[in-house]
């Protein structure tokens, strides 16, 4: 189950960011850049949360 958290979080956040970008009429490479940035930020945040939980469980 833990292995599915990251892909699902990225998928949902990119879909949401795409809808927001569509609402504000962001076009072309700006939209792609925004979606990539959202995916990277979500990956970093989820990885840090999972690592922190793993370290707390080992302690």
N, C-alpha and C. Protein backbone atom coordinates (compact mmCIF):
# COMPACT_ATOMS: atom_id res chain seq x y z
N UNK A 1 0.82 -1.20 0.00
CA UNK A 1 0.00 0.00 0.00
C UNK A 1 0.86 1.26 0.00
N UNK A 2 1.96 1.24 0.76
CA UNK A 2 2.82 2.41 0.82
C UNK A 2 3.45 2.75 -0.52
N UNK A 3 3.63 1.74 -1.37
CA UNK A 3 4.24 1.99 -2.68
C UNK A 3 3.29 2.72 -3.62
N UNK A 4 2.00 2.69 -3.33
CA UNK A 4 1.03 3.37 -4.18
C UNK A 4 0.77 4.81 -3.77
N UNK A 5 1.23 5.20 -2.60
CA UNK A 5 0.95 6.55 -2.11
C UNK A 5 1.59 7.60 -3.01
N UNK A 6 2.85 7.44 -3.35
CA UNK A 6 3.55 8.44 -4.16
C UNK A 6 2.94 8.60 -5.55
N UNK A 7 2.74 7.52 -6.32
CA UNK A 7 2.14 7.72 -7.65
C UNK A 7 0.73 8.31 -7.61
N UNK A 8 -0.06 7.90 -6.63
CA UNK A 8 -1.42 8.44 -6.52
C UNK A 8 -1.38 9.91 -6.15
N UNK A 9 -0.50 10.27 -5.23
CA UNK A 9 -0.38 11.68 -4.83
C UNK A 9 0.08 12.54 -6.00
N UNK A 10 1.04 12.06 -6.76
CA UNK A 10 1.51 12.81 -7.93
C UNK A 10 0.39 12.94 -8.96
N UNK A 11 -0.29 11.84 -9.23
CA UNK A 11 -1.37 11.85 -10.22
C UNK A 11 -2.46 12.85 -9.85
N UNK A 12 -2.92 12.79 -8.61
CA UNK A 12 -4.00 13.67 -8.18
C UNK A 12 -3.57 15.13 -8.16
N UNK A 13 -2.37 15.39 -7.70
CA UNK A 13 -1.91 16.78 -7.64
C UNK A 13 -1.69 17.36 -9.04
N UNK A 14 -1.20 16.56 -9.97
CA UNK A 14 -1.00 17.05 -11.33
C UNK A 14 -2.34 17.29 -12.01
N UNK A 15 -3.32 16.42 -11.78
CA UNK A 15 -4.66 16.63 -12.33
C UNK A 15 -5.24 17.92 -11.77
N UNK A 16 -5.13 18.13 -10.47
CA UNK A 16 -5.65 19.33 -9.83
C UNK A 16 -4.94 20.58 -10.36
N UNK A 17 -3.61 20.52 -10.48
CA UNK A 17 -2.85 21.66 -10.99
C UNK A 17 -3.22 21.94 -12.45
N UNK A 18 -3.48 20.90 -13.21
CA UNK A 18 -3.91 21.07 -14.59
C UNK A 18 -5.25 21.77 -14.68
N UNK A 19 -6.17 21.42 -13.81
CA UNK A 19 -7.48 22.07 -13.79
C UNK A 19 -7.34 23.54 -13.40
N UNK A 20 -6.49 23.82 -12.42
CA UNK A 20 -6.27 25.21 -12.01
C UNK A 20 -5.61 26.00 -13.15
N UNK A 21 -4.62 25.40 -13.81
CA UNK A 21 -3.95 26.05 -14.93
C UNK A 21 -4.93 26.30 -16.07
N UNK A 22 -5.82 25.36 -16.29
CA UNK A 22 -6.84 25.53 -17.33
C UNK A 22 -7.79 26.67 -16.98
N UNK A 23 -8.15 26.77 -15.72
CA UNK A 23 -9.03 27.84 -15.27
C UNK A 23 -8.41 29.21 -15.49
N UNK A 24 -7.11 29.33 -15.22
CA UNK A 24 -6.40 30.60 -15.39
C UNK A 24 -5.81 30.76 -16.78
N UNK A 25 -6.17 29.89 -17.71
CA UNK A 25 -5.77 29.97 -19.13
C UNK A 25 -4.26 29.97 -19.32
N UNK A 26 -3.57 29.14 -18.54
CA UNK A 26 -2.13 28.97 -18.72
C UNK A 26 -1.94 28.03 -19.91
N UNK A 27 -1.10 28.42 -20.84
CA UNK A 27 -0.96 27.66 -22.09
C UNK A 27 0.48 27.23 -22.34
N UNK A 28 0.62 26.22 -23.17
CA UNK A 28 1.91 25.80 -23.71
C UNK A 28 2.92 25.33 -22.69
N UNK A 29 4.14 25.80 -22.87
CA UNK A 29 5.25 25.34 -22.04
C UNK A 29 5.10 25.79 -20.59
N UNK A 30 4.37 26.86 -20.33
CA UNK A 30 4.14 27.28 -18.95
C UNK A 30 3.34 26.23 -18.20
N UNK A 31 2.34 25.66 -18.86
CA UNK A 31 1.51 24.63 -18.21
C UNK A 31 2.34 23.38 -17.95
N UNK A 32 3.13 22.97 -18.91
CA UNK A 32 3.97 21.77 -18.74
C UNK A 32 4.97 21.99 -17.61
N UNK A 33 5.58 23.17 -17.58
CA UNK A 33 6.52 23.49 -16.51
C UNK A 33 5.86 23.48 -15.15
N UNK A 34 4.66 24.04 -15.08
CA UNK A 34 3.92 24.05 -13.82
C UNK A 34 3.60 22.64 -13.35
N UNK A 35 3.16 21.80 -14.27
CA UNK A 35 2.81 20.42 -13.91
C UNK A 35 4.04 19.64 -13.46
N UNK A 36 5.16 19.86 -14.12
CA UNK A 36 6.41 19.19 -13.70
C UNK A 36 6.85 19.68 -12.33
N UNK A 37 6.73 20.97 -12.09
CA UNK A 37 7.11 21.53 -10.80
C UNK A 37 6.23 20.97 -9.69
N UNK A 38 4.94 20.86 -9.94
CA UNK A 38 4.02 20.28 -8.96
C UNK A 38 4.40 18.83 -8.67
N UNK A 39 4.71 18.07 -9.70
CA UNK A 39 5.08 16.66 -9.52
C UNK A 39 6.34 16.52 -8.68
N UNK A 40 7.33 17.38 -8.94
CA UNK A 40 8.59 17.31 -8.19
C UNK A 40 8.36 17.67 -6.72
N UNK A 41 7.60 18.72 -6.48
CA UNK A 41 7.34 19.15 -5.10
C UNK A 41 6.58 18.07 -4.34
N UNK A 42 5.59 17.46 -4.97
CA UNK A 42 4.83 16.39 -4.30
C UNK A 42 5.73 15.20 -4.01
N UNK A 43 6.61 14.86 -4.95
CA UNK A 43 7.52 13.74 -4.71
C UNK A 43 8.43 14.01 -3.53
N UNK A 44 8.97 15.21 -3.44
CA UNK A 44 9.86 15.55 -2.33
C UNK A 44 9.10 15.50 -1.01
N UNK A 45 7.92 16.09 -0.96
CA UNK A 45 7.15 16.15 0.28
C UNK A 45 6.74 14.75 0.74
N UNK A 46 6.21 13.94 -0.17
CA UNK A 46 5.77 12.60 0.21
C UNK A 46 6.96 11.74 0.64
N UNK A 47 8.08 11.86 -0.04
CA UNK A 47 9.27 11.08 0.32
C UNK A 47 9.77 11.47 1.72
N UNK A 48 9.76 12.75 2.02
CA UNK A 48 10.20 13.18 3.35
C UNK A 48 9.25 12.70 4.44
N UNK A 49 7.97 12.75 4.18
CA UNK A 49 7.00 12.28 5.17
C UNK A 49 7.17 10.78 5.40
N UNK A 50 7.32 10.01 4.32
CA UNK A 50 7.50 8.57 4.46
C UNK A 50 8.80 8.25 5.19
N UNK A 51 9.87 8.97 4.88
CA UNK A 51 11.15 8.73 5.55
C UNK A 51 11.05 9.06 7.03
N UNK A 52 10.38 10.15 7.39
CA UNK A 52 10.23 10.52 8.78
C UNK A 52 9.42 9.48 9.55
N UNK A 53 8.38 8.97 8.94
CA UNK A 53 7.56 7.93 9.59
C UNK A 53 8.37 6.66 9.78
N UNK A 54 9.18 6.31 8.77
CA UNK A 54 10.00 5.11 8.86
C UNK A 54 11.03 5.23 9.97
N UNK A 55 11.65 6.42 10.10
CA UNK A 55 12.65 6.63 11.13
C UNK A 55 12.02 6.62 12.52
N UNK A 56 10.82 7.17 12.64
CA UNK A 56 10.12 7.14 13.93
C UNK A 56 9.72 5.73 14.32
N UNK A 57 9.36 4.92 13.35
CA UNK A 57 8.96 3.55 13.63
C UNK A 57 10.15 2.70 14.06
N UNK A 58 11.34 3.01 13.54
CA UNK A 58 12.54 2.26 13.92
C UNK A 58 13.05 2.63 15.30
N UNK A 59 12.73 3.83 15.76
CA UNK A 59 13.23 4.31 17.06
C UNK A 59 12.54 3.65 18.21
